Amino acid sequence: MSKKNIILQDLKNQLSNYFGNDLINIYLFGSQAKNTETDDSDYDILILMKSKKDWKTKDKVIDICYDIDLKHDILIDPHILAEEELTSIRGKQPIFINAMLNGIRV
């Protein structure tokens, strides 16, 4: 298994363990998904949830990502989006549309 796959599986496992059925999907997008990354590229991640999250929950996501960052010597840039936001202005931003259409579903 490649380093990228190990990192993504680690992230998926930790988020699934914490959020359970509230986690809908995780998408890798950006240079890591396009295989155009450099040694300094971060991991752009879209986390799609069933319900909107408060700042405490978002902090937990950041903590999980930070632990993985340290473990694998990488940088994860997480973006959290609730299912209900998909039809809002926020959910229609190109970054999220691109992530879901062209990203890699983890």
PDB file of N, CA and C in Angstrom:
ATOM      1  N   MET A   1       0.849  -1.180   0.000  1.00  0.00           N
ATOM      2  CA  MET A   1       0.000   0.000   0.000  1.00  0.00           C
ATOM      3  C   MET A   1       0.892   1.241   0.000  1.00  0.00           C
ATOM      4  N   SER A   2       0.548   2.217  -0.816  1.00  0.00           N
ATOM      5  CA  SER A   2       1.348   3.440  -0.916  1.00  0.00           C
ATOM      6  C   SER A   2       1.187   4.298   0.344  1.00  0.00           C
ATOM      7  N   LYS A   3       2.141   5.199   0.541  1.00  0.00           N
ATOM      8  CA  LYS A   3       2.083   6.109   1.692  1.00  0.00           C
ATOM      9  C   LYS A   3       0.789   6.916   1.659  1.00  0.00           C
ATOM     10  N   LYS A   4       0.414   7.385   0.478  1.00  0.00           N
ATOM     11  CA  LYS A   4      -0.812   8.174   0.333  1.00  0.00           C
ATOM     12  C   LYS A   4      -2.030   7.365   0.777  1.00  0.00           C
ATOM     13  N   ASN A   5      -2.098   6.107   0.355  1.00  0.00           N
ATOM     14  CA  ASN A   5      -3.233   5.265   0.731  1.00  0.00           C
ATOM     15  C   ASN A   5      -3.257   4.972   2.227  1.00  0.00           C
ATOM     16  N   ILE A   6      -2.082   4.784   2.820  1.00  0.00           N
ATOM     17  CA  ILE A   6      -1.998   4.551   4.264  1.00  0.00           C
ATOM     18  C   ILE A   6      -2.512   5.773   5.022  1.00  0.00           C
ATOM     19  N   ILE A   7      -2.100   6.954   4.590  1.00  0.00           N
ATOM     20  CA  ILE A   7      -2.536   8.205   5.224  1.00  0.00           C
ATOM     21  C   ILE A   7      -4.050   8.371   5.099  1.00  0.00           C
ATOM     22  N   LEU A   8      -4.571   8.151   3.908  1.00  0.00           N
ATOM     23  CA  LEU A   8      -6.008   8.321   3.682  1.00  0.00           C
ATOM     24  C   LEU A   8      -6.821   7.301   4.475  1.00  0.00           C
ATOM     25  N   GLN A   9      -6.326   6.075   4.554  1.00  0.00           N
ATOM     26  CA  GLN A   9      -7.026   5.046   5.326  1.00  0.00           C
ATOM     27  C   GLN A   9      -7.012   5.383   6.815  1.00  0.00           C
ATOM     28  N   ASP A  10      -5.880   5.888   7.289  1.00  0.00           N
ATOM     29  CA  ASP A  10      -5.760   6.314   8.681  1.00  0.00           C
ATOM     30  C   ASP A  10      -6.771   7.427   8.977  1.00  0.00           C
ATOM     31  N   LEU A  11      -6.849   8.408   8.093  1.00  0.00           N
ATOM     32  CA  LEU A  11      -7.792   9.513   8.261  1.00  0.00           C
ATOM     33  C   LEU A  11      -9.234   9.005   8.255  1.00  0.00           C
ATOM     34  N   LYS A  12      -9.550   8.164   7.296  1.00  0.00           N
ATOM     35  CA  LYS A  12     -10.908   7.625   7.193  1.00  0.00           C
ATOM     36  C   LYS A  12     -11.280   6.842   8.453  1.00  0.00           C
ATOM     37  N   ASN A  13     -10.379   6.006   8.933  1.00  0.00           N
ATOM     38  CA  ASN A  13     -10.656   5.210  10.131  1.00  0.00           C
ATOM     39  C   ASN A  13     -10.911   6.096  11.342  1.00  0.00           C
ATOM     40  N   GLN A  14     -10.056   7.097  11.527  1.00  0.00           N
ATOM     41  CA  GLN A  14     -10.209   7.960  12.700  1.00  0.00           C
ATOM     42  C   GLN A  14     -11.484   8.801  12.638  1.00  0.00           C
ATOM     43  N   LEU A  15     -11.782   9.345  11.459  1.00  0.00           N
ATOM     44  CA  LEU A  15     -13.010  10.137  11.325  1.00  0.00           C
ATOM     45  C   LEU A  15     -14.251   9.257  11.464  1.00  0.00           C
ATOM     46  N   SER A  16     -14.210   8.058  10.899  1.00  0.00           N
ATOM     47  CA  SER A  16     -15.337   7.124  11.012  1.00  0.00           C
ATOM     48  C   SER A  16     -15.560   6.709  12.459  1.00  0.00           C
ATOM     49  N   ASN A  17     -14.475   6.450  13.170  1.00  0.00           N
ATOM     50  CA  ASN A  17     -14.599   6.067  14.578  1.00  0.00           C
ATOM     51  C   ASN A  17     -15.210   7.185  15.408  1.00  0.00           C
ATOM     52  N   TYR A  18     -14.858   8.417  15.110  1.00  0.00           N
ATOM     53  CA  TYR A  18     -15.360   9.547  15.892  1.00  0.00           C
ATOM     54  C   TYR A  18     -16.785   9.942  15.495  1.00  0.00           C
ATOM     55  N   PHE A  19     -17.063  10.021  14.192  1.00  0.00           N
ATOM     56  CA  PHE A  19     -18.347  10.543  13.730  1.00  0.00           C
ATOM     57  C   PHE A  19     -19.378   9.470  13.396  1.00  0.00           C
ATOM     58  N   GLY A  20     -18.953   8.240  13.197  1.00  0.00           N
ATOM     59  CA  GLY A  20     -19.889   7.157  12.887  1.00  0.00           C
ATOM     60  C   GLY A  20     -20.678   7.431  11.624  1.00  0.00           C
ATOM     61  N   ASN A  21     -21.994   7.244  11.725  1.00  0.00           N
ATOM     62  CA  ASN A  21     -22.876   7.397  10.564  1.00  0.00           C
ATOM     63  C   ASN A  21     -23.073   8.839  10.122  1.00  0.00           C
ATOM     64  N   ASP A  22     -22.587   9.794  10.906  1.00  0.00           N
ATOM     65  CA  ASP A  22     -22.715  11.199  10.518  1.00  0.00           C
ATOM     66  C   ASP A  22     -21.737  11.560   9.394  1.00  0.00           C
ATOM     67  N   LEU A  23     -20.734  10.727   9.208  1.00  0.00           N
ATOM     68  CA  LEU A  23     -19.763  10.942   8.134  1.00  0.00           C
ATOM     69  C   LEU A  23     -20.312  10.337   6.847  1.00  0.00           C
ATOM     70  N   ILE A  24     -20.471  11.158   5.815  1.00  0.00           N
ATOM     71  CA  ILE A  24     -21.000  10.668   4.536  1.00  0.00           C
ATOM     72  C   ILE A  24     -19.860  10.233   3.624  1.00  0.00           C
ATOM     73  N   ASN A  25     -18.939  11.145   3.346  1.00  0.00           N
ATOM     74  CA  ASN A  25     -17.827  10.856   2.433  1.00  0.00           C
ATOM     75  C   ASN A  25     -16.618  11.707   2.775  1.00  0.00           C
ATOM     76  N   ILE A  26     -15.482  11.229   2.322  1.00  0.00           N
ATOM     77  CA  ILE A  26     -14.234  11.979   2.402  1.00  0.00           C
ATOM     78  C   ILE A  26     -13.673  12.009   0.987  1.00  0.00           C
ATOM     79  N   TYR A  27     -13.271  13.192   0.540  1.00  0.00           N
ATOM     80  CA  TYR A  27     -12.705  13.342  -0.800  1.00  0.00           C
ATOM     81  C   TYR A  27     -11.303  13.932  -0.709  1.00  0.00           C
ATOM     82  N   LEU A  28     -10.387  13.349  -1.439  1.00  0.00           N
ATOM     83  CA  LEU A  28      -9.061  13.929  -1.632  1.00  0.00           C
ATOM     84  C   LEU A  28      -9.118  14.704  -2.937  1.00  0.00           C
ATOM     85  N   PHE A  29      -8.680  15.958  -2.912  1.00  0.00           N
ATOM     86  CA  PHE A  29      -8.672  16.748  -4.145  1.00  0.00           C
ATOM     87  C   PHE A  29      -7.388  17.550  -4.221  1.00  0.00           C
ATOM     88  N   GLY A  30      -7.224  18.281  -5.292  1.00  0.00           N
ATOM     89  CA  GLY A  30      -6.002  19.064  -5.468  1.00  0.00           C
ATOM     90  C   GLY A  30      -4.879  18.233  -6.060  1.00  0.00           C
ATOM     91  N   SER A  31      -3.658  18.685  -5.831  1.00  0.00           N
ATOM     92  CA  SER A  31      -2.498  18.056  -6.476  1.00  0.00           C
ATOM     93  C   SER A  31      -2.313  16.599  -6.068  1.00  0.00           C
ATOM     94  N   GLN A  32      -2.636  16.253  -4.829  1.00  0.00           N
ATOM     95  CA  GLN A  32      -2.491  14.856  -4.394  1.00  0.00           C
ATOM     96  C   GLN A  32      -3.440  13.943  -5.176  1.00  0.00           C
ATOM     97  N   ALA A  33      -4.629  14.421  -5.476  1.00  0.00           N
ATOM     98  CA  ALA A  33      -5.598  13.625  -6.231  1.00  0.00           C
ATOM     99  C   ALA A  33      -5.223  13.538  -7.704  1.00  0.00           C
ATOM    100  N   LYS A  34      -4.578  14.582  -8.209  1.00  0.00           N
ATOM    101  CA  LYS A  34      -4.191  14.619  -9.628  1.00  0.00           C
ATOM    102  C   LYS A  34      -2.826  13.992  -9.880  1.00  0.00           C
ATOM    103  N   ASN A  35      -2.165  13.550  -8.803  1.00  0.00           N
ATOM    104  CA  ASN A  35      -0.802  13.005  -8.894  1.00  0.00           C
ATOM    105  C   ASN A  35       0.183  14.011  -9.479  1.00  0.00           C
ATOM    106  N   THR A  36      -0.020  15.276  -9.140  1.00  0.00           N
ATOM    107  CA  THR A  36       0.916  16.326  -9.557  1.00  0.00           C
ATOM    108  C   THR A  36       1.587  16.959  -8.341  1.00  0.00           C
ATOM    109  N   GLU A  37       1.530  16.252  -7.215  1.00  0.00           N
ATOM    110  CA  GLU A  37       2.061  16.792  -5.969  1.00  0.00           C
ATOM    111  C   GLU A  37       3.579  16.882  -5.987  1.00  0.00           C
ATOM    112  N   THR A  38       4.095  17.762  -5.141  1.00  0.00           N
ATOM    113  CA  THR A  38       5.533  17.860  -4.891  1.00  0.00           C
ATOM    114  C   THR A  38       5.772  17.365  -3.464  1.00  0.00           C
ATOM    115  N   ASP A  39       7.015  17.349  -3.047  1.00  0.00           N
ATOM    116  CA  ASP A  39       7.331  16.904  -1.685  1.00  0.00           C
ATOM    117  C   ASP A  39       6.676  17.782  -0.626  1.00  0.00           C
ATOM    118  N   ASP A  40       6.382  19.035  -0.969  1.00  0.00           N
ATOM    119  CA  ASP A  40       5.802  19.975  -0.009  1.00  0.00           C
ATOM    120  C   ASP A  40       4.285  20.121  -0.128  1.00  0.00           C
ATOM    121  N   SER A  41       3.664  19.348  -0.998  1.00  0.00           N
ATOM    122  CA  SER A  41       2.216  19.481  -1.203  1.00  0.00           C
ATOM    123  C   SER A  41       1.434  18.987   0.006  1.00  0.00           C
ATOM    124  N   ASP A  42       0.354  19.713   0.304  1.00  0.00           N
ATOM    125  CA  ASP A  42      -0.521  19.268   1.385  1.00  0.00           C
ATOM    126  C   ASP A  42      -1.580  18.315   0.839  1.00  0.00           C
ATOM    127  N   TYR A  43      -2.371  17.774   1.741  1.00  0.00           N
ATOM    128  CA  TYR A  43      -3.480  16.893   1.383  1.00  0.00           C
ATOM    129  C   TYR A  43      -4.762  17.700   1.554  1.00  0.00           C
ATOM    130  N   ASP A  44      -5.370  18.081   0.440  1.00  0.00           N
ATOM    131  CA  ASP A  44      -6.635  18.817   0.475  1.00  0.00           C
ATOM    132  C   ASP A  44      -7.759  17.797   0.638  1.00  0.00           C
ATOM    133  N   ILE A  45      -8.522  17.940   1.709  1.00  0.00           N
ATOM    134  CA  ILE A  45      -9.544  16.959   2.055  1.00  0.00           C
ATOM    135  C   ILE A  45     -10.888  17.654   2.251  1.00  0.00           C
ATOM    136  N   LEU A  46     -11.923  17.125   1.596  1.00  0.00           N
ATOM    137  CA  LEU A  46     -13.293  17.564   1.843  1.00  0.00           C
ATOM    138  C   LEU A  46     -13.972  16.475   2.663  1.00  0.00           C
ATOM    139  N   ILE A  47     -14.539  16.867   3.790  1.00  0.00           N
ATOM    140  CA  ILE A  47     -15.247  15.944   4.671  1.00  0.00           C
ATOM    141  C   ILE A  47     -16.722  16.315   4.611  1.00  0.00           C
ATOM    142  N   LEU A  48     -17.518  15.432   4.030  1.00  0.00           N
ATOM    143  CA  LEU A  48     -18.950  15.680   3.878  1.00  0.00           C
ATOM    144  C   LEU A  48     -19.697  14.984   5.018  1.00  0.00           C
ATOM    145  N   MET A  49     -20.443  15.782   5.792  1.00  0.00           N
ATOM    146  CA  MET A  49     -21.155  15.291   6.970  1.00  0.00           C
ATOM    147  C   MET A  49     -22.665  15.395   6.764  1.00  0.00           C
ATOM    148  N   LYS A  50     -23.413  14.590   7.496  1.00  0.00           N
ATOM    149  CA  LYS A  50     -24.874  14.649   7.416  1.00  0.00           C
ATOM    150  C   LYS A  50     -25.417  15.941   8.018  1.00  0.00           C
ATOM    151  N   SER A  51     -24.799  16.380   9.108  1.00  0.00           N
ATOM    152  CA  SER A  51     -25.308  17.575   9.782  1.00  0.00           C
ATOM    153  C   SER A  51     -24.205  18.610   9.962  1.00  0.00           C
ATOM    154  N   LYS A  52     -24.632  19.844  10.109  1.00  0.00           N
ATOM    155  CA  LYS A  52     -23.705  20.961  10.292  1.00  0.00           C
ATOM    156  C   LYS A  52     -23.015  20.830  11.652  1.00  0.00           C
ATOM    157  N   LYS A  53     -21.753  21.219  11.710  1.00  0.00           N
ATOM    158  CA  LYS A  53     -20.952  21.051  12.920  1.00  0.00           C
ATOM    159  C   LYS A  53     -20.633  22.387  13.573  1.00  0.00           C
ATOM    160  N   ASP A  54     -20.547  22.355  14.904  1.00  0.00           N
ATOM    161  CA  ASP A  54     -20.151  23.549  15.636  1.00  0.00           C
ATOM    162  C   ASP A  54     -18.624  23.626  15.691  1.00  0.00           C
ATOM    163  N   TRP A  55     -18.123  24.685  16.279  1.00  0.00           N
ATOM    164  CA  TRP A  55     -16.675  24.909  16.293  1.00  0.00           C
ATOM    165  C   TRP A  55     -15.939  23.852  17.101  1.00  0.00           C
ATOM    166  N   LYS A  56     -16.566  23.296  18.130  1.00  0.00           N
ATOM    167  CA  LYS A  56     -15.900  22.265  18.930  1.00  0.00           C
ATOM    168  C   LYS A  56     -15.656  21.008  18.105  1.00  0.00           C
ATOM    169  N   THR A  57     -16.642  20.655  17.309  1.00  0.00           N
ATOM    170  CA  THR A  57     -16.502  19.472  16.461  1.00  0.00           C
ATOM    171  C   THR A  57     -15.475  19.724  15.367  1.00  0.00           C
ATOM    172  N   LYS A  58     -15.485  20.925  14.812  1.00  0.00           N
ATOM    173  CA  LYS A  58     -14.485  21.260  13.796  1.00  0.00           C
ATOM    174  C   LYS A  58     -13.085  21.221  14.395  1.00  0.00           C
ATOM    175  N   ASP A  59     -12.950  21.648  15.640  1.00  0.00           N
ATOM    176  CA  ASP A  59     -11.656  21.554  16.325  1.00  0.00           C
ATOM    177  C   ASP A  59     -11.213  20.103  16.472  1.00  0.00           C
ATOM    178  N   LYS A  60     -12.160  19.200  16.714  1.00  0.00           N
ATOM    179  CA  LYS A  60     -11.828  17.773  16.828  1.00  0.00           C
ATOM    180  C   LYS A  60     -11.293  17.248  15.497  1.00  0.00           C
ATOM    181  N   VAL A  61     -11.902  17.664  14.394  1.00  0.00           N
ATOM    182  CA  VAL A  61     -11.408  17.264  13.070  1.00  0.00           C
ATOM    183  C   VAL A  61      -9.977  17.760  12.885  1.00  0.00           C
ATOM    184  N   ILE A  62      -9.733  18.996  13.256  1.00  0.00           N
ATOM    185  CA  ILE A  62      -8.387  19.567  13.136  1.00  0.00           C
ATOM    186  C   ILE A  62      -7.404  18.791  14.007  1.00  0.00           C
ATOM    187  N   ASP A  63      -7.826  18.407  15.213  1.00  0.00           N
ATOM    188  CA  ASP A  63      -6.965  17.607  16.093  1.00  0.00           C
ATOM    189  C   ASP A  63      -6.624  16.255  15.471  1.00  0.00           C
ATOM    190  N   ILE A  64      -7.626  15.597  14.892  1.00  0.00           N
ATOM    191  CA  ILE A  64      -7.398  14.306  14.235  1.00  0.00           C
ATOM    192  C   ILE A  64      -6.408  14.482  13.087  1.00  0.00           C
ATOM    193  N   CYS A  65      -6.628  15.505  12.274  1.00  0.00           N
ATOM    194  CA  CYS A  65      -5.734  15.764  11.136  1.00  0.00           C
ATOM    195  C   CYS A  65      -4.323  16.092  11.609  1.00  0.00           C
ATOM    196  N   TYR A  66      -4.220  16.856  12.673  1.00  0.00           N
ATOM    197  CA  TYR A  66      -2.907  17.237  13.197  1.00  0.00           C
ATOM    198  C   TYR A  66      -2.137  16.015  13.690  1.00  0.00           C
ATOM    199  N   ASP A  67      -2.827  15.097  14.366  1.00  0.00           N
ATOM    200  CA  ASP A  67      -2.172  13.863  14.816  1.00  0.00           C
ATOM    201  C   ASP A  67      -1.630  13.066  13.630  1.00  0.00           C
ATOM    202  N   ILE A  68      -2.407  13.004  12.564  1.00  0.00           N
ATOM    203  CA  ILE A  68      -1.964  12.295  11.356  1.00  0.00           C
ATOM    204  C   ILE A  68      -0.817  13.055  10.696  1.00  0.00           C
ATOM    205  N   ASP A  69      -0.905  14.385  10.694  1.00  0.00           N
ATOM    206  CA  ASP A  69       0.193  15.211  10.167  1.00  0.00           C
ATOM    207  C   ASP A  69       1.509  14.837  10.839  1.00  0.00           C
ATOM    208  N   LEU A  70       1.489  14.798  12.159  1.00  0.00           N
ATOM    209  CA  LEU A  70       2.711  14.501  12.914  1.00  0.00           C
ATOM    210  C   LEU A  70       3.185  13.070  12.686  1.00  0.00           C
ATOM    211  N   LYS A  71       2.248  12.151  12.636  1.00  0.00           N
ATOM    212  CA  LYS A  71       2.577  10.734  12.458  1.00  0.00           C
ATOM    213  C   LYS A  71       3.254  10.465  11.117  1.00  0.00           C
ATOM    214  N   HIS A  72       2.803  11.157  10.072  1.00  0.00           N
ATOM    215  CA  HIS A  72       3.283  10.886   8.711  1.00  0.00           C
ATOM    216  C   HIS A  72       4.137  12.010   8.123  1.00  0.00           C
ATOM    217  N   ASP A  73       4.389  13.063   8.894  1.00  0.00           N
ATOM    218  CA  ASP A  73       5.180  14.207   8.439  1.00  0.00           C
ATOM    219  C   ASP A  73       4.591  14.827   7.171  1.00  0.00           C
ATOM    220  N   ILE A  74       3.310  15.139   7.251  1.00  0.00           N
ATOM    221  CA  ILE A  74       2.571  15.734   6.131  1.00  0.00           C
ATOM    222  C   ILE A  74       1.744  16.901   6.657  1.00  0.00           C
ATOM    223  N   LEU A  75       0.935  17.502   5.780  1.00  0.00           N
ATOM    224  CA  LEU A  75       0.003  18.551   6.180  1.00  0.00           C
ATOM    225  C   LEU A  75      -1.347  18.281   5.523  1.00  0.00           C
ATOM    226  N   ILE A  76      -2.376  18.142   6.341  1.00  0.00           N
ATOM    227  CA  ILE A  76      -3.738  17.946   5.847  1.00  0.00           C
ATOM    228  C   ILE A  76      -4.482  19.268   5.983  1.00  0.00           C
ATOM    229  N   ASP A  77      -5.151  19.670   4.895  1.00  0.00           N
ATOM    230  CA  ASP A  77      -5.973  20.882   4.883  1.00  0.00           C
ATOM    231  C   ASP A  77      -7.441  20.445   4.799  1.00  0.00           C
ATOM    232  N   PRO A  78      -8.108  20.281   5.961  1.00  0.00           N
ATOM    233  CA  PRO A  78      -9.481  19.769   5.940  1.00  0.00           C
ATOM    234  C   PRO A  78     -10.523  20.855   5.686  1.00  0.00           C
ATOM    235  N   HIS A  79     -11.527  20.503   4.911  1.00  0.00           N
ATOM    236  CA  HIS A  79     -12.681  21.366   4.648  1.00  0.00           C
ATOM    237  C   HIS A  79     -13.918  20.554   5.016  1.00  0.00           C
ATOM    238  N   ILE A  80     -14.737  21.074   5.920  1.00  0.00           N
ATOM    239  CA  ILE A  80     -15.917  20.352   6.391  1.00  0.00           C
ATOM    240  C   ILE A  80     -17.159  20.982   5.778  1.00  0.00           C
ATOM    241  N   LEU A  81     -18.010  20.135   5.210  1.00  0.00           N
ATOM    242  CA  LEU A  81     -19.236  20.605   4.577  1.00  0.00           C
ATOM    243  C   LEU A  81     -20.379  19.692   5.008  1.00  0.00           C
ATOM    244  N   ALA A  82     -21.499  20.289   5.406  1.00  0.00           N
ATOM    245  CA  ALA A  82     -22.684  19.521   5.778  1.00  0.00           C
ATOM    246  C   ALA A  82     -23.545  19.284   4.543  1.00  0.00           C
ATOM    247  N   GLU A  83     -24.232  18.165   4.539  1.00  0.00           N
ATOM    248  CA  GLU A  83     -25.099  17.802   3.416  1.00  0.00           C
ATOM    249  C   GLU A  83     -26.095  18.922   3.103  1.00  0.00           C
ATOM    250  N   GLU A  84     -26.631  19.542   4.145  1.00  0.00           N
ATOM    251  CA  GLU A  84     -27.612  20.615   3.949  1.00  0.00           C
ATOM    252  C   GLU A  84     -27.000  21.849   3.282  1.00  0.00           C
ATOM    253  N   GLU A  85     -25.683  21.967   3.331  1.00  0.00           N
ATOM    254  CA  GLU A  85     -25.013  23.121   2.728  1.00  0.00           C
ATOM    255  C   GLU A  85     -24.777  22.941   1.225  1.00  0.00           C
ATOM    256  N   LEU A  86     -25.005  21.752   0.705  1.00  0.00           N
ATOM    257  CA  LEU A  86     -24.745  21.490  -0.715  1.00  0.00           C
ATOM    258  C   LEU A  86     -25.558  22.393  -1.633  1.00  0.00           C
ATOM    259  N   THR A  87     -26.739  22.784  -1.198  1.00  0.00           N
ATOM    260  CA  THR A  87     -27.591  23.637  -2.034  1.00  0.00           C
ATOM    261  C   THR A  87     -27.449  25.121  -1.699  1.00  0.00           C
ATOM    262  N   SER A  88     -26.595  25.436  -0.744  1.00  0.00           N
ATOM    263  CA  SER A  88     -26.389  26.834  -0.355  1.00  0.00           C
ATOM    264  C   SER A  88     -25.261  27.455  -1.179  1.00  0.00           C
ATOM    265  N   ILE A  89     -25.074  28.741  -0.998  1.00  0.00           N
ATOM    266  CA  ILE A  89     -23.982  29.442  -1.681  1.00  0.00           C
ATOM    267  C   ILE A  89     -22.641  28.813  -1.319  1.00  0.00           C
ATOM    268  N   ARG A  90     -22.471  28.477  -0.049  1.00  0.00           N
ATOM    269  CA  ARG A  90     -21.211  27.863   0.396  1.00  0.00           C
ATOM    270  C   ARG A  90     -20.962  26.541  -0.330  1.00  0.00           C
ATOM    271  N   GLY A  91     -21.976  25.712  -0.411  1.00  0.00           N
ATOM    272  CA  GLY A  91     -21.831  24.404  -1.041  1.00  0.00           C
ATOM    273  C   GLY A  91     -21.628  24.466  -2.540  1.00  0.00           C
ATOM    274  N   LYS A  92     -21.985  25.590  -3.142  1.00  0.00           N
ATOM    275  CA  LYS A  92     -21.835  25.744  -4.593  1.00  0.00           C
ATOM    276  C   LYS A  92     -20.510  26.394  -4.983  1.00  0.00           C
ATOM    277  N   GLN A  93     -19.636  26.594  -4.005  1.00  0.00           N
ATOM    278  CA  GLN A  93     -18.319  27.149  -4.313  1.00  0.00           C
ATOM    279  C   GLN A  93     -17.546  26.159  -5.184  1.00  0.00           C
ATOM    280  N   PRO A  94     -16.794  26.660  -6.153  1.00  0.00           N
ATOM    281  CA  PRO A  94     -16.046  25.780  -7.058  1.00  0.00           C
ATOM    282  C   PRO A  94     -15.134  24.779  -6.348  1.00  0.00           C
ATOM    283  N   ILE A  95     -14.548  25.169  -5.228  1.00  0.00           N
ATOM    284  CA  ILE A  95     -13.647  24.250  -4.526  1.00  0.00           C
ATOM    285  C   ILE A  95     -14.384  22.973  -4.109  1.00  0.00           C
ATOM    286  N   PHE A  96     -15.616  23.104  -3.631  1.00  0.00           N
ATOM    287  CA  PHE A  96     -16.376  21.941  -3.180  1.00  0.00           C
ATOM    288  C   PHE A  96     -16.934  21.143  -4.354  1.00  0.00           C
ATOM    289  N   ILE A  97     -17.423  21.839  -5.359  1.00  0.00           N
ATOM    290  CA  ILE A  97     -17.940  21.153  -6.549  1.00  0.00           C
ATOM    291  C   ILE A  97     -16.827  20.354  -7.210  1.00  0.00           C
ATOM    292  N   ASN A  98     -15.664  20.969  -7.372  1.00  0.00           N
ATOM    293  CA  ASN A  98     -14.520  20.297  -7.976  1.00  0.00           C
ATOM    294  C   ASN A  98     -14.089  19.088  -7.146  1.00  0.00           C
ATOM    295  N   ALA A  99     -14.067  19.247  -5.832  1.00  0.00           N
ATOM    296  CA  ALA A  99     -13.653  18.142  -4.956  1.00  0.00           C
ATOM    297  C   ALA A  99     -14.562  16.934  -5.129  1.00  0.00           C
ATOM    298  N   MET A 100     -15.865  17.172  -5.213  1.00  0.00           N
ATOM    299  CA  MET A 100     -16.807  16.055  -5.326  1.00  0.00           C
ATOM    300  C   MET A 100     -16.847  15.459  -6.730  1.00  0.00           C
ATOM    301  N   LEU A 101     -16.651  16.291  -7.748  1.00  0.00           N
ATOM    302  CA  LEU A 101     -16.703  15.790  -9.123  1.00  0.00           C
ATOM    303  C   LEU A 101     -15.392  15.164  -9.582  1.00  0.00           C
ATOM    304  N   ASN A 102     -14.275  15.768  -9.202  1.00  0.00           N
ATOM    305  CA  ASN A 102     -12.980  15.334  -9.727  1.00  0.00           C
ATOM    306  C   ASN A 102     -12.046  14.737  -8.683  1.00  0.00           C
ATOM    307  N   GLY A 103     -12.435  14.840  -7.415  1.00  0.00           N
ATOM    308  CA  GLY A 103     -11.584  14.307  -6.358  1.00  0.00           C
ATOM    309  C   GLY A 103     -11.690  12.798  -6.253  1.00  0.00           C
ATOM    310  N   ILE A 104     -10.882  12.254  -5.377  1.00  0.00           N
ATOM    311  CA  ILE A 104     -10.879  10.816  -5.124  1.00  0.00           C
ATOM    312  C   ILE A 104     -11.669  10.559  -3.853  1.00  0.00           C
ATOM    313  N   ARG A 105     -12.683   9.733  -3.978  1.00  0.00           N
ATOM    314  CA  ARG A 105     -13.482   9.359  -2.806  1.00  0.00           C
ATOM    315  C   ARG A 105     -12.681   8.358  -1.984  1.00  0.00           C
ATOM    316  N   VAL A 106     -12.485   8.679  -0.720  1.00  0.00           N
ATOM    317  CA  VAL A 106     -11.657   7.837   0.151  1.00  0.00           C
ATOM    318  C   VAL A 106     -12.497   6.702   0.707  1.00  0.00           C
TER     319      VAL A 106
END
